[in-house]
Amino acid sequence: MQYIEIEYNQRLKPLETVLSGVRQPGDFFVCGAMELPMPRVEIEGAGTLSFPVPDPQIAAIVKRAERAPYGKGESTIVDASVRKVWQISAGHVRIGGKSWNVNFENILSKVKTGLGCNDAIVTAELYKLLVYDRGGFFLAHRDTEKAAGMFATLVLTLPSRYRGGALRIRHAGREVTLDTKATDPSELSYAAFYADCEHEVLPVRQGNRVCLIYNLIHKRSKGRRGILKAPEYEHPITEAAAILDRFLKAPDAPPKIAWLLDHQYSPAGLSFSALKGSDAAKARVLVQAAVRAQCTAYLGIVHIGESGAAEPDDDYFYSSRRNRYGYDEDGDDEEADEDASFGAVTVDDAWQYVDEWRDTED
């Protein structure tokens, strides 16, 4: 077996300093899909929706809807060249179902984790039901605060047949494009993003996109001020990339750098998407920094082994009830050995290696 020797390199101390300041997990957006019993969605005058939402129900919704406006300064304007979408206000929509409350809380929990605000008290307030029919879109904009304490927007996309209509989000020089379409009628797609993010809905090319819009409200406790904001990674990413670039250009640079995470992960649970707490935040910085430094980032499990002579600890030796022949008085010597505690006397051999490699796509 060939071993990869992993040593602490003092020249990478600046990288440790940068990463030590990265603690908040989460990002400016989160998205996903959950397979669950569909909620009962009733629209006044259009009845209870079926899934995927059929065209006759879409027509019934549009018949009772109005064109959605957008805010420009202190004015509210309806302009189909900027925003082309139908809306029904929350007062005309009722959402329920036997397991809906539990399932919605599960979605909200995933959203809080993804946005990095697990410790905050967050509630969701239904704002509108929207229908983007063929050609529907919304140009790039930022959400205004529609309720006290609003810090983010949650979009639940109901199962329907359509093409296009992707959600594009920008923040701090980064951009993501999310396909919010559920792949199965039993799936509910969700996406959330901080209110200060610029975002747009790309044109629907075919069919109808139906979604529920929620305001995410942060209930601040006494003595705490300020609105929740997206985690900011640009500064540590830039610094980390510069450190990696300088380090790897040195004549004696190693082909690989191993950075140990705080948590332990099993092979089955090892993935970038399943990293915990500060590990997730630091990995996000390192992955982006690696790209800029023209490296490739992986996850792996580090194994460190040593072999050599050992002897029982003194406490164990004197506390065992043994007779003069060295056996336990009850004759169960094997069980006592299993409880023995040993300490190393010498280390004759040591090895380190990495396996279970995972790329950023897991």
Protein backbone atom coordinates (compact mmCIF):
# COMPACT_ATOMS: atom_id res chain seq x y z
CA MET A 1 0.00 0.00 0.00
CA GLN A 2 1.22 3.49 -0.83
CA TYR A 3 0.54 6.11 1.83
CA ILE A 4 -0.09 9.81 1.49
CA GLU A 5 1.83 11.57 4.21
CA ILE A 6 -0.19 14.39 5.77
CA GLU A 7 1.76 16.95 7.78
CA TYR A 8 0.88 20.32 9.22
CA ASN A 9 2.55 22.98 7.09
CA GLN A 10 3.40 26.17 8.96
CA ARG A 11 3.41 28.14 5.71
CA LEU A 12 -0.36 27.60 5.51
CA LYS A 13 -0.95 29.32 8.86
CA PRO A 14 -2.50 32.34 7.03
CA LEU A 15 -5.10 30.00 5.49
CA GLU A 16 -5.98 28.72 8.96
CA THR A 17 -6.42 32.33 10.11
CA VAL A 18 -8.80 33.08 7.23
CA LEU A 19 -10.90 29.95 7.76
CA SER A 20 -11.09 30.44 11.53
CA GLY A 21 -13.28 33.49 10.87
CA VAL A 22 -15.73 31.50 8.71
CA ARG A 23 -18.35 30.11 11.08
CA GLN A 24 -21.80 30.85 9.72
CA PRO A 25 -23.09 28.03 7.51
CA GLY A 26 -25.64 28.61 4.79
CA ASP A 27 -25.78 30.75 1.66
CA PHE A 28 -27.79 33.55 0.06
CA PHE A 29 -30.18 30.96 -1.42
CA VAL A 30 -31.43 27.43 -0.83
CA CYS A 31 -33.42 25.10 -3.05
CA GLY A 32 -34.69 21.55 -3.10
CA ALA A 33 -37.67 19.27 -3.57
CA MET A 34 -39.61 17.06 -1.18
CA GLU A 35 -41.76 14.05 -1.95
CA LEU A 36 -44.83 14.35 0.25
CA PRO A 37 -48.64 14.22 0.25
CA MET A 38 -49.74 17.29 -1.67
CA PRO A 39 -51.48 20.01 0.35
CA ARG A 40 -55.10 20.87 -0.26
CA VAL A 41 -55.00 24.19 -2.12
CA GLU A 42 -58.39 25.88 -2.49
CA ILE A 43 -58.79 29.03 -4.56
CA GLU A 44 -61.90 31.10 -4.15
CA GLY A 45 -64.02 30.70 -7.28
CA ALA A 46 -61.67 28.10 -8.85
CA GLY A 47 -62.07 25.17 -6.45
CA THR A 48 -59.50 22.72 -5.10
CA LEU A 49 -56.45 22.20 -7.28
CA SER A 50 -55.50 18.87 -8.78
CA PHE A 51 -51.86 17.94 -9.40
CA PRO A 52 -50.28 18.45 -11.80
CA VAL A 53 -52.57 21.46 -12.19
CA PRO A 54 -54.66 20.86 -15.35
CA ASP A 55 -55.23 23.55 -18.01
CA PRO A 56 -58.96 24.05 -17.19
CA GLN A 57 -58.04 24.95 -13.58
CA ILE A 58 -55.30 27.26 -14.81
CA ALA A 59 -57.92 29.05 -16.93
CA ALA A 60 -60.26 29.29 -13.91
CA ILE A 61 -57.48 30.80 -11.80
CA VAL A 62 -56.49 33.33 -14.47
CA LYS A 63 -60.13 34.34 -14.87
CA ARG A 64 -60.22 35.42 -11.21
CA ALA A 65 -56.66 36.79 -11.08
CA GLU A 66 -55.18 40.18 -11.86
CA ARG A 67 -51.94 41.26 -13.41
CA ALA A 68 -49.22 41.49 -10.77
CA PRO A 69 -47.70 44.95 -10.30
CA TYR A 70 -44.16 45.81 -9.25
CA GLY A 71 -42.73 48.53 -7.06
CA LYS A 72 -40.81 51.45 -8.53
CA GLY A 73 -39.74 53.86 -5.82
CA GLU A 74 -42.87 54.68 -3.87
CA SER A 75 -45.14 53.79 -6.81
CA THR A 76 -46.78 50.50 -7.72
CA ILE A 77 -46.92 49.92 -11.47
CA VAL A 78 -48.50 47.34 -13.79
CA ASP A 79 -46.28 46.99 -16.85
CA ALA A 80 -46.27 43.72 -18.84
CA SER A 81 -42.90 44.67 -20.37
CA VAL A 82 -41.32 44.41 -16.91
CA ARG A 83 -43.47 41.82 -15.15
CA LYS A 84 -45.91 39.53 -16.88
CA VAL A 85 -47.60 37.24 -14.33
CA TRP A 86 -51.06 36.65 -12.83
CA GLN A 87 -51.63 36.92 -9.08
CA ILE A 88 -54.24 35.99 -6.50
CA SER A 89 -53.87 37.50 -3.03
CA ALA A 90 -53.44 35.33 0.05
CA GLY A 91 -56.95 36.15 1.30
CA HIS A 92 -58.46 34.14 -1.58
CA VAL A 93 -56.23 31.08 -1.09
CA ARG A 94 -56.63 28.40 1.60
CA ILE A 95 -53.96 25.77 2.16
CA GLY A 96 -54.46 22.73 4.38
CA GLY A 97 -54.43 18.98 4.52
CA LYS A 98 -53.97 16.34 7.18
CA SER A 99 -50.15 16.44 7.22
CA TRP A 100 -49.53 19.85 5.67
CA ASN A 101 -48.50 21.69 8.84
CA VAL A 102 -45.87 19.08 9.69
CA ASN A 103 -44.56 18.93 6.12
CA PHE A 104 -44.41 22.70 5.82
CA GLU A 105 -42.45 22.98 9.07
CA ASN A 106 -40.03 20.42 7.65
CA ILE A 107 -39.56 22.55 4.53
CA LEU A 108 -39.11 25.67 6.66
CA SER A 109 -36.47 23.87 8.74
CA LYS A 110 -34.51 22.98 5.59
CA VAL A 111 -34.81 26.57 4.38
CA LYS A 112 -33.48 27.97 7.68
CA THR A 113 -30.54 25.58 7.55
CA GLY A 114 -29.79 26.48 3.93
CA LEU A 115 -29.91 30.21 4.66
CA GLY A 116 -27.75 29.86 7.75
CA CYS A 117 -30.30 31.13 10.28
CA ASN A 118 -31.04 27.98 12.31
CA ASP A 119 -30.88 29.85 15.61
CA ALA A 120 -33.38 32.54 14.57
CA ILE A 121 -37.13 32.51 15.17
CA VAL A 122 -38.53 32.45 11.63
CA THR A 123 -42.15 32.32 10.51
CA ALA A 124 -43.62 32.16 6.99
CA GLU A 125 -46.51 34.34 5.87
CA LEU A 126 -48.38 33.48 2.65
CA TYR A 127 -48.23 36.48 0.32
CA LYS A 128 -49.66 35.46 -3.06
CA LEU A 129 -50.35 32.68 -5.51
CA LEU A 130 -48.75 33.38 -8.90
CA VAL A 131 -49.34 31.92 -12.35
CA TYR A 132 -46.72 32.40 -15.05
CA ASP A 133 -48.43 31.36 -18.26
CA ARG A 134 -46.66 31.07 -21.61
CA GLY A 135 -44.39 34.10 -22.05
CA GLY A 136 -44.65 35.06 -18.36
CA PHE A 137 -41.52 36.55 -16.75
CA PHE A 138 -40.23 39.11 -14.26
CA LEU A 139 -37.15 41.22 -14.98
CA ALA A 140 -34.31 41.53 -12.47
CA HIS A 141 -35.37 43.26 -9.25
CA ARG A 142 -35.04 43.19 -5.48
CA ASP A 143 -37.92 42.47 -3.10
CA THR A 144 -39.20 45.24 -0.89
CA GLU A 145 -39.99 44.60 2.76
CA LYS A 146 -43.67 43.64 2.66
CA ALA A 147 -43.99 43.02 6.39
CA ALA A 148 -42.11 44.04 9.53
CA GLY A 149 -39.15 41.72 10.01
CA MET A 150 -39.24 40.29 6.48
CA PHE A 151 -35.74 39.18 5.49
CA ALA A 152 -36.27 36.60 2.73
CA THR A 153 -38.72 35.15 0.22
CA LEU A 154 -39.83 31.51 -0.03
CA VAL A 155 -41.20 30.14 -3.31
CA LEU A 156 -43.11 26.83 -3.38
CA THR A 157 -43.66 25.64 -6.93
CA LEU A 158 -46.69 23.39 -7.31
CA PRO A 159 -46.61 20.44 -9.73
CA SER A 160 -47.63 21.61 -13.22
CA ARG A 161 -46.47 21.07 -16.80
CA TYR A 162 -44.24 23.83 -18.15
CA ARG A 163 -40.86 24.59 -19.67
CA GLY A 164 -38.61 27.54 -18.89
CA GLY A 165 -39.42 29.83 -15.98
CA ALA A 166 -36.10 29.31 -14.16
CA LEU A 167 -35.28 31.51 -11.17
CA ARG A 168 -32.01 33.44 -11.45
CA ILE A 169 -30.51 34.96 -8.28
CA ARG A 170 -27.48 37.25 -7.84
CA HIS A 171 -25.65 38.28 -4.70
CA ALA A 172 -22.18 39.69 -3.97
CA GLY A 173 -20.81 38.89 -7.41
CA ARG A 174 -22.25 35.38 -7.56
CA GLU A 175 -25.11 34.11 -9.69
CA VAL A 176 -27.18 30.90 -9.66
CA THR A 177 -29.96 29.74 -11.97
CA LEU A 178 -32.47 27.38 -10.35
CA ASP A 179 -34.86 25.09 -12.19
CA THR A 180 -37.75 25.08 -9.72
CA LYS A 181 -39.85 22.55 -11.63
CA ALA A 182 -40.74 19.40 -9.65
CA THR A 183 -39.84 16.22 -11.51
CA ASP A 184 -42.84 14.26 -10.19
CA PRO A 185 -46.46 15.15 -9.28
CA SER A 186 -45.74 13.94 -5.73
CA GLU A 187 -42.90 16.44 -5.30
CA LEU A 188 -43.07 19.98 -4.04
CA SER A 189 -40.20 22.22 -5.13
CA TYR A 190 -38.96 25.02 -2.87
CA ALA A 191 -36.50 27.88 -3.24
CA ALA A 192 -35.70 30.72 -0.84
CA PHE A 193 -33.36 33.69 -0.99
CA TYR A 194 -32.52 36.82 1.03
CA ALA A 195 -34.56 39.89 0.17
CA ASP A 196 -31.56 41.99 -0.78
CA CYS A 197 -30.65 39.57 -3.59
CA GLU A 198 -31.31 40.68 -7.14
CA HIS A 199 -33.41 38.01 -8.89
CA GLU A 200 -35.48 37.43 -11.99
CA VAL A 201 -37.87 34.85 -13.42
CA LEU A 202 -36.90 33.81 -16.93
CA PRO A 203 -39.70 33.49 -19.54
CA VAL A 204 -41.95 30.43 -19.48
CA ARG A 205 -41.66 28.89 -22.94
CA GLN A 206 -44.50 26.39 -22.65
CA GLY A 207 -47.25 25.52 -20.17
CA ASN A 208 -47.94 27.24 -16.83
CA ARG A 209 -45.81 27.70 -13.72
CA VAL A 210 -47.91 27.90 -10.52
CA CYS A 211 -46.25 28.91 -7.26
CA LEU A 212 -47.00 30.07 -3.74
CA ILE A 213 -44.99 33.05 -2.45
CA TYR A 214 -44.25 33.42 1.27
CA ASN A 215 -42.61 36.24 3.20
CA LEU A 216 -40.09 34.90 5.69
CA ILE A 217 -40.31 36.91 8.90
CA HIS A 218 -37.59 37.15 11.53
CA LYS A 219 -38.99 37.66 15.01
CA ARG A 220 -36.28 39.50 16.90
CA SER A 221 -35.87 38.90 20.61
CA LYS A 222 -35.31 41.70 23.13
CA GLY A 223 -31.91 43.29 22.95
CA ARG A 224 -31.21 42.03 19.41
CA ARG A 225 -31.35 44.44 16.52
CA GLY A 226 -30.91 44.29 12.80
CA ILE A 227 -32.35 42.18 10.04
CA LEU A 228 -30.94 38.80 9.06
CA LYS A 229 -28.46 39.01 6.20
CA ALA A 230 -26.97 36.49 3.80
CA PRO A 231 -23.64 34.96 4.84
CA GLU A 232 -20.81 36.83 3.12
CA TYR A 233 -18.02 34.66 1.74
CA GLU A 234 -16.45 36.83 -0.96
CA HIS A 235 -13.71 38.31 1.23
CA PRO A 236 -12.47 34.98 2.73
CA ILE A 237 -12.74 33.30 -0.70
CA THR A 238 -10.53 36.00 -2.26
CA GLU A 239 -7.98 35.76 0.56
CA ALA A 240 -7.94 31.94 0.55
CA ALA A 241 -7.54 31.82 -3.24
CA ALA A 242 -4.55 34.19 -3.08
CA ILE A 243 -2.91 32.09 -0.34
CA LEU A 244 -3.42 28.84 -2.27
CA ASP A 245 -2.13 30.40 -5.48
CA ARG A 246 1.07 31.67 -3.83
CA PHE A 247 1.65 28.42 -1.95
CA LEU A 248 1.14 26.11 -4.93
CA LYS A 249 3.39 28.15 -7.23
CA ALA A 250 6.39 27.57 -4.94
CA PRO A 251 9.05 25.20 -6.39
CA ASP A 252 8.63 22.74 -3.49
CA ALA A 253 4.81 22.83 -3.42
CA PRO A 254 3.12 19.47 -2.76
CA PRO A 255 0.64 18.02 -5.27
CA LYS A 256 -2.11 17.90 -2.65
CA ILE A 257 -3.17 19.79 0.48
CA ALA A 258 -5.33 18.07 3.11
CA TRP A 259 -7.48 20.21 5.40
CA LEU A 260 -9.06 18.43 8.37
CA LEU A 261 -12.71 19.25 9.10
CA ASP A 262 -14.19 19.49 12.60
CA HIS A 263 -16.77 16.71 12.35
CA GLN A 264 -16.29 13.02 11.60
CA TYR A 265 -18.21 11.50 8.68
CA SER A 266 -18.90 7.91 7.69
CA PRO A 267 -18.33 6.80 4.07
CA ALA A 268 -22.11 6.59 3.59
CA GLY A 269 -22.64 10.14 4.86
CA LEU A 270 -19.68 11.78 3.15
CA SER A 271 -20.82 14.46 0.71
CA PHE A 272 -20.49 18.20 0.26
CA SER A 273 -24.27 18.53 0.60
CA ALA A 274 -24.25 16.82 4.03
CA LEU A 275 -21.44 18.74 5.74
CA LYS A 276 -22.33 20.07 9.18
CA GLY A 277 -22.14 23.53 10.74
CA SER A 278 -18.88 25.38 10.22
CA ASP A 279 -17.57 22.54 8.03
CA ALA A 280 -20.17 23.47 5.40
CA ALA A 281 -19.14 27.13 5.53
CA LYS A 282 -15.40 26.43 5.35
CA ALA A 283 -15.86 23.92 2.54
CA ARG A 284 -17.81 26.49 0.54
CA VAL A 285 -14.91 28.94 0.88
CA LEU A 286 -12.29 26.32 0.00
CA VAL A 287 -14.19 25.03 -3.04
CA GLN A 288 -14.57 28.53 -4.51
CA ALA A 289 -10.97 29.42 -3.63
CA ALA A 290 -9.72 26.22 -5.28
CA VAL A 291 -11.47 27.09 -8.53
CA ARG A 292 -9.82 30.52 -8.58
CA ALA A 293 -6.42 28.99 -7.78
CA GLN A 294 -6.94 26.42 -10.59
CA CYS A 295 -7.19 23.47 -8.21
CA THR A 296 -9.77 20.72 -7.78
CA ALA A 297 -11.48 20.21 -4.42
CA TYR A 298 -12.48 16.81 -3.04
CA LEU A 299 -13.74 15.32 0.19
CA GLY A 300 -12.07 12.23 1.59
CA ILE A 301 -11.69 10.25 4.79
CA VAL A 302 -8.28 10.53 6.43
CA HIS A 303 -6.89 7.42 8.12
CA ILE A 304 -3.99 7.75 10.57
CA GLY A 305 -2.56 4.57 12.08
CA GLU A 306 0.26 3.63 14.41
CA SER A 307 1.58 0.28 15.59
CA GLY A 308 4.02 -0.69 18.30
CA ALA A 309 4.37 -2.08 21.80
CA ALA A 310 1.70 -1.36 24.45
CA GLU A 311 1.01 -2.23 28.06
CA PRO A 312 -2.08 -2.09 30.32
CA ASP A 313 -2.72 1.10 32.19
CA ASP A 314 -1.88 0.92 35.92
CA ASP A 315 -5.48 1.56 36.98
CA TYR A 316 -6.66 -1.45 35.02
CA PHE A 317 -3.87 -3.73 36.28
CA TYR A 318 -4.56 -3.10 39.97
CA SER A 319 -8.34 -3.00 39.80
CA SER A 320 -8.78 -6.41 38.12
CA ARG A 321 -9.81 -9.16 40.54
CA ARG A 322 -7.29 -11.89 39.59
CA ASN A 323 -6.03 -14.95 41.44
CA ARG A 324 -2.37 -15.96 41.75
CA TYR A 325 -2.47 -17.73 38.38
CA GLY A 326 -3.44 -14.52 36.54
CA TYR A 327 -7.08 -15.48 35.78
CA ASP A 328 -10.25 -13.71 36.86
CA GLU A 329 -11.82 -15.36 39.89
CA ASP A 330 -15.05 -15.96 37.95
CA GLY A 331 -13.05 -17.58 35.11
CA ASP A 332 -14.19 -15.04 32.49
CA ASP A 333 -10.76 -13.73 31.51
CA GLU A 334 -11.81 -12.87 27.94
CA GLU A 335 -14.48 -10.40 29.06
CA ALA A 336 -11.98 -8.62 31.30
CA ASP A 337 -9.54 -8.26 28.39
CA GLU A 338 -12.22 -6.53 26.34
CA ASP A 339 -12.47 -3.84 29.00
CA ALA A 340 -8.71 -3.39 29.29
CA SER A 341 -7.16 0.03 28.73
CA PHE A 342 -3.71 0.11 27.14
CA GLY A 343 -1.13 2.80 26.60
CA ALA A 344 1.51 2.96 23.87
CA VAL A 345 5.11 2.31 24.89
CA THR A 346 6.81 2.65 21.50
CA VAL A 347 5.63 3.47 17.99
CA ASP A 348 7.38 1.23 15.46
CA ASP A 349 5.35 2.16 12.39
CA ALA A 350 2.93 4.93 11.36
CA TRP A 351 0.85 5.53 8.26
CA GLN A 352 -1.68 7.94 6.83
CA TYR A 353 -3.86 7.68 3.75
CA VAL A 354 -7.04 9.11 2.25
CA ASP A 355 -9.86 7.18 0.61
CA GLU A 356 -13.60 7.52 -0.20
CA TRP A 357 -12.90 10.47 -2.53
CA ARG A 358 -15.90 12.66 -3.43
CA ASP A 359 -15.99 15.53 -5.93
CA THR A 360 -18.21 18.59 -5.58
CA GLU A 361 -21.07 16.76 -7.33
CA ASP A 362 -20.82 14.03 -4.63
